[in-house]
C-alpha cells in the first residue's frame, strides 16, 4: 500500500508517564484513508494530528454510521514494541462494519496502516510499568446527504494515545451496580458490534451508578431483564464453586478479545470454564451464600478489573472480602506478562514490530 506521509513541523512535548491517565494525550500524527464505490479504499496518508473537516450532513453525525476498535502497543523489556492479537481487532472491526453497512477493510491493508503509524510514533510508546500506547482505529460514514441508506463514502482513521491505568483505582477492586432499568442492547441489534451508539446509550445508567459511588454498571439482557450480559466497558466473568462462568455470546454482547484470551488461557491450564446463560437470580444466590468466589471484568483498556462489590436492588454484596482474588491476579499477571513481553508467549498472540 502506498502511504503518503506528511510530517508535523513541530513535535509535541511528551507527558510524564505518571500523569497519562486514559485517552488524554495524543501523538503527533494520525492515519487516514478514504472509501468511495468507484475507487474502493484510496488516498492512504499519515498527517499531523488535528481536527477533521467533515460535511455538516455527514452520515456519522446524523445516523451513527460509526465503528471503532481499541488495542495497544507495548514496550518490551528489551526496548522493542509489540502488539497483542491485532488480527482479532481487525476481524472484529470488519464484522462491525458488516453490521452497520460500512465498507470492510482488507486485513493486510489494515495491518500495514496500523503498524506503519505505530512505528513512526514509536517514541510515544511509554516504558513505565502498566503503561502502553493505546491504538484507536475508527471509521465514519461521510456521505454528504441526509438520506437514510447504507454508506457509500467512508473514512478510516487511526489515532494513538499513550495511556496508564483505565480506572483510577488501578488493579484495586471496583464496585459495580447491577442495572435493572435501562438496557444496553438486544439480540438482533448492534450489541455485538463495536459502535459508538452502544456506549452513548449506556451513559445514563453509568451516571446513576457513579452518583451512588459505583464505577460501572452490570447490564441485564434487554428482553427478559433476567440474564447477565456485560459490564459497561468490559465483559464479565465469575468464579462460582471453582468454575469460571461467563455469559454466552448471543448477539447482544461484544465478543471481547481479552475475554477470548482468558477463556483460551484457562482451558490450556485445565481450568473449568462455562460459557452459558447466567441469571441475575443465580448470581444473587451465589453472592448471598458465598459460592461466588471472585468476579472480574475483562477488556483491552483495563485488561482484568477485579470486582469487589456488587449492588442489586439496593443491597450490596461484597465479593472475596473486597479484595482481588487469586485467580484474578493470576490472569492479570499472565496476560500482562505476555503483552509486555515479560513472559513467554506460548499462544503466538503477540506481533513484534
Protein backbone atom coordinates (compact mmCIF):
# COMPACT_ATOMS: atom_id res chain seq x y z
CA UNK A 1 0.00 0.00 0.00
CA UNK A 2 1.31 3.44 -0.92
CA UNK A 3 1.03 5.59 2.21
CA UNK A 4 1.77 9.28 1.73
CA UNK A 5 3.48 10.74 4.81
CA UNK A 6 3.34 14.40 5.79
CA UNK A 7 5.34 15.04 8.95
CA UNK A 8 4.39 17.56 11.60
CA UNK A 9 6.59 20.66 11.54
CA UNK A 10 6.60 20.92 15.33
CA UNK A 11 6.54 17.88 17.64
CA UNK A 12 4.67 17.91 20.93
CA UNK A 13 6.31 17.65 24.33
CA UNK A 14 5.58 14.18 25.67
CA UNK A 15 3.77 13.99 29.03
CA UNK A 16 5.34 12.29 32.01
CA UNK A 17 4.22 8.67 32.34
CA UNK A 18 2.87 9.38 35.83
CA UNK A 19 0.10 11.69 34.55
CA UNK A 20 -1.08 9.75 31.50
CA UNK A 21 -4.49 8.51 32.65
CA UNK A 22 -6.54 7.19 29.74
CA UNK A 23 -7.06 8.90 26.39
CA UNK A 24 -5.98 12.40 27.43
CA UNK A 25 -2.89 12.84 25.23
CA UNK A 26 -2.36 12.12 21.54
CA UNK A 27 0.68 11.58 19.37
CA UNK A 28 2.00 13.83 16.62
CA UNK A 29 0.42 12.04 13.65
CA UNK A 30 -2.67 10.10 12.56
CA UNK A 31 -3.59 7.83 9.67
CA UNK A 32 -6.49 8.45 7.27
CA UNK A 33 -7.84 6.61 4.23
CA UNK A 34 -10.98 7.20 2.15
CA UNK A 35 -13.51 4.90 0.54
CA UNK A 36 -15.70 5.55 -2.49
CA UNK A 37 -17.63 3.00 -4.56
CA UNK A 38 -15.66 3.72 -7.73
CA UNK A 39 -12.16 3.67 -6.20
CA UNK A 40 -12.56 1.45 -3.15
CA UNK A 41 -10.09 2.32 -0.40
CA UNK A 42 -7.66 5.01 -1.55
CA UNK A 43 -5.56 8.04 -0.56
CA UNK A 44 -3.85 6.37 2.41
CA UNK A 45 -1.97 9.02 4.31
CA UNK A 46 -0.28 9.86 7.59
CA UNK A 47 -0.67 13.52 8.52
CA UNK A 48 -0.14 15.74 11.57
CA UNK A 49 -2.71 15.04 14.29
CA UNK A 50 -5.50 17.59 14.21
CA UNK A 51 -9.19 18.32 13.64
CA UNK A 52 -11.14 16.59 10.89
CA UNK A 53 -13.02 18.57 8.28
CA UNK A 54 -16.41 16.96 7.65
CA UNK A 55 -19.60 18.00 5.91
CA UNK A 56 -22.47 19.10 8.21
CA UNK A 57 -24.68 16.40 6.63
CA UNK A 58 -22.08 13.68 7.34
CA UNK A 59 -23.81 10.31 7.80
CA UNK A 60 -21.96 9.57 11.04
CA UNK A 61 -23.26 12.74 12.66
CA UNK A 62 -26.91 12.12 11.82
CA UNK A 63 -27.35 8.35 11.80
CA UNK A 64 -24.49 6.94 13.87
CA UNK A 65 -22.68 5.26 10.97
CA UNK A 66 -19.53 4.80 13.03
CA UNK A 67 -17.47 1.90 14.37
CA UNK A 68 -14.21 1.67 16.28
CA UNK A 69 -11.65 -0.62 17.85
CA UNK A 70 -9.16 -0.46 20.68
CA UNK A 71 -5.84 -2.25 21.12
CA UNK A 72 -2.40 -1.45 22.48
CA UNK A 73 1.27 -1.34 21.61
CA UNK A 74 3.54 -2.45 24.47
CA UNK A 75 7.17 -1.65 25.26
CA UNK A 76 9.08 -4.88 25.91
CA UNK A 77 11.94 -5.10 28.47
CA UNK A 78 14.42 -5.20 25.56
CA UNK A 79 13.07 -1.85 24.32
CA UNK A 80 11.19 -3.30 21.37
CA UNK A 81 7.47 -2.84 20.68
CA UNK A 82 4.76 -5.43 20.17
CA UNK A 83 1.02 -5.69 19.62
CA UNK A 84 -1.37 -8.17 21.24
CA UNK A 85 -3.64 -10.19 18.91
CA UNK A 86 -4.15 -7.34 16.39
CA UNK A 87 -5.72 -9.63 13.79
CA UNK A 88 -8.61 -10.24 16.22
CA UNK A 89 -9.32 -6.49 16.36
CA UNK A 90 -9.12 -6.20 12.59
CA UNK A 91 -11.60 -9.03 12.07
CA UNK A 92 -13.96 -7.74 14.76
CA UNK A 93 -13.99 -4.30 13.15
CA UNK A 94 -14.87 -5.83 9.81
CA UNK A 95 -17.75 -7.69 11.48
CA UNK A 96 -18.91 -4.39 12.97
CA UNK A 97 -18.63 -2.81 9.51
CA UNK A 98 -20.84 -5.52 8.02
CA UNK A 99 -23.48 -4.95 10.70
CA UNK A 100 -23.61 -1.18 10.15
CA UNK A 101 -23.33 -1.38 6.34
CA UNK A 102 -19.92 0.24 6.26
CA UNK A 103 -17.16 -0.91 3.86
CA UNK A 104 -14.81 -3.61 5.14
CA UNK A 105 -11.05 -3.18 5.01
CA UNK A 106 -8.68 -5.86 3.65
CA UNK A 107 -6.79 -7.31 6.60
CA UNK A 108 -3.32 -6.75 5.14
CA UNK A 109 -4.12 -3.12 4.34
CA UNK A 110 -5.46 -2.51 7.85
CA UNK A 111 -2.39 -4.13 9.45
CA UNK A 112 0.03 -2.15 7.30
CA UNK A 113 -1.68 1.13 8.13
CA UNK A 114 -1.60 0.42 11.86
CA UNK A 115 1.97 -0.87 12.08
CA UNK A 116 3.33 1.93 9.89
CA UNK A 117 1.78 4.57 12.13
CA UNK A 118 2.93 2.91 15.37
CA UNK A 119 6.48 2.52 14.08
CA UNK A 120 6.52 6.17 13.06
CA UNK A 121 5.35 7.16 16.56
CA UNK A 122 7.46 4.60 18.44
CA UNK A 123 8.91 7.26 20.77
CA UNK A 124 5.39 7.69 22.18
CA UNK A 125 5.22 4.09 23.48
CA UNK A 126 5.86 4.68 27.20
CA UNK A 127 8.35 2.45 29.06
CA UNK A 128 6.97 2.67 32.61
CA UNK A 129 5.16 -0.29 34.24
CA UNK A 130 1.44 -0.53 33.42
CA UNK A 131 1.65 1.99 30.57
CA UNK A 132 1.18 1.43 26.85
CA UNK A 133 0.25 3.15 23.61
CA UNK A 134 -3.48 2.87 23.01
CA UNK A 135 -4.44 2.43 19.35
CA UNK A 136 -7.87 3.68 18.32
CA UNK A 137 -8.86 2.75 14.74
CA UNK A 138 -12.29 4.02 13.74
CA UNK A 139 -14.43 4.50 10.67
CA UNK A 140 -17.09 7.07 9.91
CA UNK A 141 -19.65 7.13 7.15
CA UNK A 142 -19.41 10.51 5.45
CA UNK A 143 -22.00 10.60 2.69
CA UNK A 144 -22.90 14.26 2.31
CA UNK A 145 -26.68 13.97 2.28
CA UNK A 146 -29.49 13.32 4.73
CA UNK A 147 -30.93 10.20 3.10
CA UNK A 148 -31.03 7.06 5.23
CA UNK A 149 -29.24 4.26 3.41
CA UNK A 150 -26.13 2.09 3.54
CA UNK A 151 -22.92 4.09 3.46
CA UNK A 152 -21.25 4.81 0.10
CA UNK A 153 -18.44 7.07 1.28
CA UNK A 154 -16.36 6.47 4.40
CA UNK A 155 -13.13 7.48 6.09
CA UNK A 156 -10.91 5.14 8.11
CA UNK A 157 -8.80 6.84 10.78
CA UNK A 158 -6.24 5.69 13.35
CA UNK A 159 -5.17 7.83 16.29
CA UNK A 160 -2.75 6.94 19.10
CA UNK A 161 -2.70 7.84 22.78
CA UNK A 162 -0.13 6.96 25.47
CA UNK A 163 -2.06 5.64 28.47
CA UNK A 164 -1.78 4.47 32.04
CA UNK A 165 -4.49 2.71 34.05
CA UNK A 166 -8.07 2.88 32.73
CA UNK A 167 -9.61 3.02 36.20
CA UNK A 168 -8.30 5.47 38.79
CA UNK A 169 -8.41 2.53 41.22
CA UNK A 170 -5.83 0.68 39.11
CA UNK A 171 -5.96 -3.05 39.86
CA UNK A 172 -7.86 -2.48 43.10
CA UNK A 173 -11.37 -3.98 43.17
CA UNK A 174 -14.16 -1.78 41.84
CA UNK A 175 -17.80 -1.53 42.86
CA UNK A 176 -20.42 -2.42 40.23
CA UNK A 177 -24.16 -1.73 40.17
CA UNK A 178 -26.48 -4.25 38.50
CA UNK A 179 -28.71 -2.16 36.23
CA UNK A 180 -32.39 -3.20 36.14
CA UNK A 181 -33.93 -0.19 34.36
CA UNK A 182 -32.05 0.72 31.17
CA UNK A 183 -30.73 -1.91 28.75
CA UNK A 184 -27.60 -1.79 26.64
CA UNK A 185 -28.59 -3.93 23.65
CA UNK A 186 -30.87 -6.68 22.39
CA UNK A 187 -30.31 -9.71 20.18
CA UNK A 188 -30.62 -8.70 16.57
CA UNK A 189 -29.46 -5.17 17.40
CA UNK A 190 -25.93 -3.82 17.43
CA UNK A 191 -24.79 -5.21 20.77
CA UNK A 192 -22.09 -7.42 19.26
CA UNK A 193 -20.77 -4.55 17.09
CA UNK A 194 -18.31 -2.04 18.50
CA UNK A 195 -20.13 1.15 17.61
CA UNK A 196 -20.49 4.43 19.42
CA UNK A 197 -24.26 4.25 19.89
CA UNK A 198 -23.94 1.30 22.27
CA UNK A 199 -21.77 3.37 24.56
CA UNK A 200 -23.80 6.56 24.34
CA UNK A 201 -26.91 4.59 25.31
CA UNK A 202 -25.16 3.32 28.43
CA UNK A 203 -24.20 6.73 29.81
CA UNK A 204 -27.44 7.43 31.69
CA UNK A 205 -27.17 4.28 33.78
CA UNK A 206 -23.47 4.88 34.21
CA UNK A 207 -24.13 8.30 35.67
CA UNK A 208 -26.68 6.88 38.10
CA UNK A 209 -24.15 4.31 39.23
CA UNK A 210 -21.44 6.94 39.65
CA UNK A 211 -23.73 9.12 41.76
CA UNK A 212 -24.15 6.15 44.10
CA UNK A 213 -20.41 5.57 44.34
CA UNK A 214 -20.08 2.75 41.81
CA UNK A 215 -17.58 2.57 38.95
CA UNK A 216 -19.70 0.82 36.33
CA UNK A 217 -23.00 -0.92 35.68
CA UNK A 218 -23.58 -4.60 35.01
CA UNK A 219 -26.18 -5.00 32.28
CA UNK A 220 -29.06 -7.45 32.12
CA UNK A 221 -30.46 -8.71 28.82
CA UNK A 222 -32.87 -6.44 27.01
CA UNK A 223 -35.70 -8.95 26.57
CA UNK A 224 -36.32 -10.74 29.86
CA UNK A 225 -34.25 -8.41 32.08
CA UNK A 226 -33.06 -11.62 33.68
CA UNK A 227 -29.68 -12.67 32.32
CA UNK A 228 -26.30 -11.10 32.98
CA UNK A 229 -24.65 -9.66 29.87
CA UNK A 230 -21.59 -7.44 30.37
CA UNK A 231 -20.17 -4.56 32.37
CA UNK A 232 -20.31 -1.07 30.85
CA UNK A 233 -16.92 -1.19 29.14
CA UNK A 234 -15.95 -4.83 29.67
CA UNK A 235 -17.04 -8.43 29.52
CA UNK A 236 -17.62 -10.07 32.89
CA UNK A 237 -16.58 -13.41 34.39
CA UNK A 238 -17.44 -15.11 37.71
CA UNK A 239 -15.73 -17.81 39.72
CA UNK A 240 -18.60 -19.84 41.20
CA UNK A 241 -17.85 -23.02 43.13
CA UNK A 242 -14.50 -23.45 41.42
CA UNK A 243 -15.80 -22.91 37.87
CA UNK A 244 -15.30 -19.78 35.77
CA UNK A 245 -18.67 -18.81 34.33
CA UNK A 246 -19.20 -16.10 31.72
CA UNK A 247 -22.31 -15.08 29.77
CA UNK A 248 -22.60 -16.79 26.39
CA UNK A 249 -22.30 -14.67 23.26
CA UNK A 250 -25.83 -14.50 21.84
CA UNK A 251 -25.58 -11.43 19.62
CA UNK A 252 -26.09 -8.72 22.23
CA UNK A 253 -22.66 -8.93 23.90
CA UNK A 254 -19.41 -7.61 22.48
CA UNK A 255 -17.09 -10.57 21.70
CA UNK A 256 -14.13 -9.32 23.72
CA UNK A 257 -10.61 -10.24 22.70
CA UNK A 258 -9.39 -10.22 26.30
CA UNK A 259 -12.38 -12.41 27.19
CA UNK A 260 -11.43 -14.83 24.43
CA UNK A 261 -7.81 -14.85 25.60
CA UNK A 262 -8.80 -15.57 29.20
CA UNK A 263 -11.00 -18.49 28.16
CA UNK A 264 -8.24 -19.95 25.97
CA UNK A 265 -5.67 -19.44 28.72
CA UNK A 266 -7.83 -21.08 31.38
CA UNK A 267 -8.65 -24.06 29.18
CA UNK A 268 -4.97 -24.53 28.38
CA UNK A 269 -4.36 -24.77 32.13
CA UNK A 270 -7.16 -27.30 32.59
CA UNK A 271 -9.38 -24.87 34.49
CA UNK A 272 -13.14 -25.46 34.07
CA UNK A 273 -14.89 -22.73 32.07
CA UNK A 274 -18.56 -22.43 31.15
CA UNK A 275 -19.99 -20.03 28.56
CA UNK A 276 -23.73 -20.05 29.27
CA UNK A 277 -26.72 -18.06 30.41
CA UNK A 278 -26.21 -16.62 33.88
CA UNK A 279 -29.35 -15.29 35.51
CA UNK A 280 -29.25 -12.43 37.97
CA UNK A 281 -31.11 -14.68 40.42
CA UNK A 282 -28.34 -17.28 40.18
CA UNK A 283 -25.76 -14.58 40.75
CA UNK A 284 -27.68 -13.08 43.69
CA UNK A 285 -27.92 -16.53 45.30
CA UNK A 286 -24.20 -17.14 44.77
CA UNK A 287 -23.44 -13.75 46.30
CA UNK A 288 -25.69 -14.44 49.27
CA UNK A 289 -24.41 -17.94 50.08
CA UNK A 290 -20.75 -17.21 49.39
CA UNK A 291 -20.34 -19.54 46.40
CA UNK A 292 -19.36 -16.52 44.29
CA UNK A 293 -15.64 -16.65 45.00
CA UNK A 294 -14.41 -14.00 42.57
CA UNK A 295 -15.77 -11.65 39.92
CA UNK A 296 -13.89 -9.59 37.38
CA UNK A 297 -14.27 -7.64 34.18
CA UNK A 298 -12.06 -8.08 31.13
CA UNK A 299 -11.19 -5.70 28.33
CA UNK A 300 -8.35 -4.15 26.38
CA UNK A 301 -8.30 -0.91 28.37
CA UNK A 302 -8.20 -2.41 31.88
CA UNK A 303 -7.04 -5.98 30.96
CA UNK A 304 -8.59 -7.52 34.08
CA UNK A 305 -10.54 -5.49 36.64
CA UNK A 306 -11.47 -7.22 39.91
CA UNK A 307 -14.96 -6.59 41.25
CA UNK A 308 -15.02 -6.07 44.99
CA UNK A 309 -18.72 -5.39 45.45
CA UNK A 310 -21.97 -5.72 43.53
CA UNK A 311 -25.21 -3.90 44.35
CA UNK A 312 -28.57 -5.31 43.27
CA UNK A 313 -31.92 -3.79 44.24
CA UNK A 314 -30.18 -1.53 46.78
CA UNK A 315 -28.45 -4.44 48.53
CA UNK A 316 -24.68 -4.55 48.38
CA UNK A 317 -22.79 -7.84 48.25
CA UNK A 318 -19.06 -7.89 48.95
CA UNK A 319 -17.04 -10.27 46.77
CA UNK A 320 -13.98 -12.06 48.21
CA UNK A 321 -13.80 -9.68 51.15
CA UNK A 322 -13.48 -6.76 48.73
CA UNK A 323 -10.00 -7.96 47.73
CA UNK A 324 -8.54 -9.16 44.43
CA UNK A 325 -8.84 -12.93 44.13
CA UNK A 326 -6.03 -15.40 43.49
CA UNK A 327 -7.34 -16.40 40.06
CA UNK A 328 -7.98 -12.80 39.01
CA UNK A 329 -4.43 -11.88 39.98
CA UNK A 330 -3.06 -14.89 38.10
CA UNK A 331 -4.93 -13.93 34.93
CA UNK A 332 -3.79 -10.32 35.14
CA UNK A 333 -0.16 -11.30 35.73
CA UNK A 334 -0.18 -13.88 32.94
CA UNK A 335 -1.85 -11.70 30.33
CA UNK A 336 0.17 -8.58 31.08
CA UNK A 337 3.33 -10.68 31.19
CA UNK A 338 2.64 -11.81 27.63
CA UNK A 339 1.53 -8.36 26.48
CA UNK A 340 4.62 -6.55 27.78
CA UNK A 341 6.96 -9.32 26.66
CA UNK A 342 7.98 -10.32 30.18
CA UNK A 343 6.64 -13.88 29.84
CA UNK A 344 6.82 -16.47 27.10
CA UNK A 345 4.02 -16.24 24.54
CA UNK A 346 3.06 -19.88 24.12
CA UNK A 347 -0.01 -18.99 22.09
CA UNK A 348 1.53 -16.88 19.31
CA UNK A 349 -0.62 -13.91 20.32
CA UNK A 350 1.96 -11.14 20.03
CA UNK A 351 3.23 -9.37 16.91
CA UNK A 352 6.63 -7.74 17.18
CA UNK A 353 7.21 -4.51 15.25
